[in-house]
Amino acid sequence: MLPPIDYRAAFEMAPVGLVLSRNRIIVDCNHALAEMFRTSREVLVGQSFLVLYPSPDEFERTGRRIEPILGASGRYADERIMKRSPGDPQGELFWCHVTGRAFHRDTPHAAGIWTFEDLSSKRPVTLELTGREREVAALLIEGQTSKQIGKALGVSHRTVDIYRARLLRKYQAGTTPELVQKLMGG
């Protein structure tokens, strides 16, 4: 007969970064997450998720964008650019797949569990992008239209088209599908 599973050991040994949160504060995290963000568990526990984002604006907008989705389904997933080395304004940016589940859908940010997977080996961040360009790029990768992106970000679809045009120029892409391919590291 096998011994009972030690859930703390499983949490620590998970092959992806794990976070338990309350009101977007890191209550606990595993070694994989601390290693991914190039810091220690002791530095992260008690901190706002803000320290993992490239900018305070992106942290705020992402929180507002995911709240209704978490409230409706209890789950959320996306790919976004995050920042290593919390507290270092020059921290390296990297693509990250983030998945979360709210413990209570009626208060989606109150408590949750989140996974973080580093995508940098498949999708390096090669160009300097603004916060809004990073958000538009992440939603383009999901296959969203300008209207859908505009609605998600609270801007007009024409504004999204301006950001898409900037991304096309920066990545020297002729079409949106070519841009998405380049964003995905292809």
Protein backbone atom coordinates (compact mmCIF):
# COMPACT_ATOMS: atom_id res chain seq x y z
CA MET A 1 0.00 0.00 0.00
CA LEU A 2 1.24 3.46 -0.89
CA PRO A 3 1.71 6.10 1.80
CA PRO A 4 -0.76 9.01 1.80
CA ILE A 5 0.04 11.92 -0.47
CA ASP A 6 1.78 14.82 1.23
CA TYR A 7 -0.04 17.77 -0.36
CA ARG A 8 2.56 20.30 0.76
CA ALA A 9 5.29 18.28 -0.93
CA ALA A 10 3.13 18.01 -4.07
CA PHE A 11 2.63 21.80 -4.06
CA GLU A 12 6.39 22.34 -3.78
CA MET A 13 7.27 19.74 -6.42
CA ALA A 14 4.75 20.88 -9.04
CA PRO A 15 6.38 21.40 -12.46
CA VAL A 16 4.76 24.84 -12.82
CA GLY A 17 4.63 27.91 -10.62
CA LEU A 18 1.74 27.77 -8.15
CA VAL A 19 0.22 30.60 -6.13
CA LEU A 20 -2.54 30.73 -3.55
CA SER A 21 -4.01 34.24 -3.41
CA ARG A 22 -6.39 36.45 -1.45
CA ASN A 23 -7.49 39.75 -2.97
CA ARG A 24 -4.61 39.56 -5.46
CA ILE A 25 -2.05 39.13 -2.65
CA ILE A 26 0.31 36.13 -2.75
CA VAL A 27 -0.54 34.05 0.33
CA ASP A 28 1.74 31.16 -0.66
CA CYS A 29 3.77 30.08 -3.65
CA ASN A 30 6.01 27.22 -4.60
CA HIS A 31 9.71 27.12 -5.44
CA ALA A 32 8.98 26.86 -9.20
CA LEU A 33 7.24 30.25 -9.14
CA ALA A 34 10.02 31.93 -7.15
CA GLU A 35 12.62 30.46 -9.50
CA MET A 36 10.66 31.60 -12.57
CA PHE A 37 10.53 35.17 -11.26
CA ARG A 38 14.15 34.99 -10.04
CA THR A 39 13.44 35.70 -6.42
CA SER A 40 12.62 33.79 -3.23
CA ARG A 41 9.37 32.58 -1.75
CA GLU A 42 10.05 34.81 1.27
CA VAL A 43 10.15 37.91 -0.96
CA LEU A 44 6.90 37.00 -2.76
CA VAL A 45 4.64 35.87 0.09
CA GLY A 46 2.57 38.81 1.29
CA GLN A 47 3.18 40.83 -1.89
CA SER A 48 0.56 41.99 -4.36
CA PHE A 49 0.58 40.34 -7.80
CA LEU A 50 1.58 43.85 -8.92
CA VAL A 51 5.27 42.94 -8.37
CA LEU A 52 4.99 40.35 -11.18
CA TYR A 53 3.66 42.79 -13.80
CA PRO A 54 5.65 45.08 -16.10
CA SER A 55 3.61 48.10 -14.95
CA PRO A 56 0.94 49.10 -12.41
CA ASP A 57 -1.43 49.95 -15.30
CA GLU A 58 -1.19 46.42 -16.70
CA PHE A 59 -1.84 44.97 -13.24
CA GLU A 60 -4.97 47.12 -12.81
CA ARG A 61 -6.34 46.58 -16.33
CA THR A 62 -5.73 42.82 -16.16
CA GLY A 63 -7.54 42.60 -12.83
CA ARG A 64 -10.54 44.45 -14.22
CA ARG A 65 -10.55 42.38 -17.42
CA ILE A 66 -10.44 38.97 -15.75
CA GLU A 67 -12.85 39.67 -12.87
CA PRO A 68 -16.09 39.20 -14.88
CA ILE A 69 -14.72 36.06 -16.56
CA LEU A 70 -13.70 34.56 -13.20
CA GLY A 71 -17.09 35.56 -11.82
CA ALA A 72 -18.98 33.88 -14.66
CA SER A 73 -17.02 30.63 -14.98
CA GLY A 74 -14.76 30.50 -11.95
CA ARG A 75 -11.75 30.01 -14.27
CA TYR A 76 -9.46 32.18 -16.35
CA ALA A 77 -6.45 31.57 -18.61
CA ASP A 78 -4.32 33.68 -20.91
CA GLU A 79 -0.81 34.29 -22.13
CA ARG A 80 0.75 37.58 -21.13
CA ILE A 81 4.06 39.30 -20.63
CA MET A 82 5.24 39.29 -17.02
CA LYS A 83 8.36 40.71 -15.32
CA ARG A 84 11.10 38.80 -13.53
CA SER A 85 12.99 40.10 -10.48
CA PRO A 86 10.24 41.84 -8.46
CA GLY A 87 11.29 45.27 -7.30
CA ASP A 88 13.78 45.71 -10.16
CA PRO A 89 12.42 48.26 -12.65
CA GLN A 90 14.74 46.72 -15.26
CA GLY A 91 13.48 43.17 -14.63
CA GLU A 92 13.44 40.95 -17.72
CA LEU A 93 10.11 40.63 -19.49
CA PHE A 94 8.90 37.19 -20.54
CA TRP A 95 5.82 35.48 -21.97
CA CYS A 96 3.89 33.50 -19.38
CA HIS A 97 0.82 31.25 -19.55
CA VAL A 98 -1.36 32.04 -16.53
CA THR A 99 -4.33 29.96 -15.42
CA GLY A 100 -6.47 30.63 -12.38
CA ARG A 101 -9.47 29.41 -10.52
CA ALA A 102 -11.54 31.42 -8.05
CA PHE A 103 -12.60 29.60 -4.90
CA HIS A 104 -15.87 31.58 -4.92
CA ARG A 105 -17.29 32.92 -8.18
CA ASP A 106 -19.35 35.61 -6.45
CA THR A 107 -16.09 37.20 -5.16
CA PRO A 108 -13.59 36.17 -7.84
CA HIS A 109 -10.50 37.93 -6.48
CA ALA A 110 -11.18 37.03 -2.84
CA ALA A 111 -9.32 33.69 -3.00
CA GLY A 112 -7.84 31.66 -5.81
CA ILE A 113 -5.22 29.29 -7.06
CA TRP A 114 -3.04 30.21 -10.02
CA THR A 115 -0.51 28.45 -12.23
CA PHE A 116 2.29 30.19 -14.10
CA GLU A 117 4.23 28.57 -16.94
CA ASP A 118 7.30 30.28 -18.41
CA LEU A 119 7.03 30.37 -22.23
CA SER A 120 10.30 32.24 -22.83
CA SER A 121 12.10 29.25 -24.37
CA LYS A 122 9.41 29.06 -27.07
CA ARG A 123 8.48 32.74 -27.26
CA PRO A 124 11.16 35.27 -26.36
CA VAL A 125 10.32 38.94 -25.88
CA THR A 126 12.58 40.42 -28.55
CA LEU A 127 11.28 43.97 -28.93
CA GLU A 128 10.52 46.84 -26.58
CA LEU A 129 6.73 47.16 -26.38
CA THR A 130 4.52 49.56 -24.46
CA GLY A 131 2.12 48.16 -21.86
CA ARG A 132 -0.85 48.59 -24.20
CA GLU A 133 1.06 46.95 -27.07
CA ARG A 134 1.76 43.97 -24.79
CA GLU A 135 -1.94 43.68 -23.93
CA VAL A 136 -3.04 43.94 -27.58
CA ALA A 137 -0.39 41.38 -28.59
CA ALA A 138 -1.60 38.92 -25.94
CA LEU A 139 -5.21 39.24 -27.12
CA LEU A 140 -4.22 38.94 -30.79
CA ILE A 141 -2.51 35.64 -29.95
CA GLU A 142 -5.86 34.47 -28.55
CA GLY A 143 -7.40 35.21 -31.96
CA GLN A 144 -9.55 38.12 -30.83
CA THR A 145 -10.78 40.74 -33.28
CA SER A 146 -10.20 44.48 -32.91
CA LYS A 147 -13.75 44.88 -31.60
CA GLN A 148 -13.28 42.11 -29.03
CA ILE A 149 -9.91 43.50 -27.93
CA GLY A 150 -11.36 47.01 -27.71
CA LYS A 151 -14.19 45.77 -25.52
CA ALA A 152 -11.79 43.81 -23.28
CA LEU A 153 -9.46 46.81 -22.89
CA GLY A 154 -12.15 49.49 -22.71
CA VAL A 155 -10.98 51.31 -25.85
CA SER A 156 -12.40 51.74 -29.35
CA HIS A 157 -11.64 49.18 -32.06
CA ARG A 158 -9.94 52.02 -33.99
CA THR A 159 -7.52 52.50 -31.11
CA VAL A 160 -6.79 48.76 -31.22
CA ASP A 161 -6.14 49.07 -34.98
CA ILE A 162 -3.54 51.77 -34.25
CA TYR A 163 -1.75 49.47 -31.78
CA ARG A 164 -1.99 46.57 -34.24
CA ALA A 165 -0.40 48.76 -36.94
CA ARG A 166 2.45 49.65 -34.56
CA LEU A 167 2.98 45.97 -33.81
CA LEU A 168 2.95 45.12 -37.54
CA ARG A 169 5.70 47.72 -38.10
CA LYS A 170 7.78 46.68 -35.11
CA TYR A 171 7.65 43.00 -36.08
CA GLN A 172 7.96 43.76 -39.80
CA ALA A 173 4.85 41.72 -40.50
CA GLY A 174 2.61 42.28 -43.51
CA THR A 175 -0.54 40.72 -42.10
CA THR A 176 -2.11 40.00 -38.72
CA PRO A 177 -1.61 36.21 -39.09
CA GLU A 178 2.09 36.83 -39.85
CA LEU A 179 2.27 39.11 -36.80
CA VAL A 180 0.69 36.46 -34.58
CA GLN A 181 3.15 33.88 -35.89
CA LYS A 182 6.07 36.20 -35.06
CA LEU A 183 4.64 36.98 -31.63
CA MET A 184 4.44 33.25 -30.95
CA GLY A 185 8.13 32.91 -31.73
CA GLY A 186 7.69 31.48 -35.23
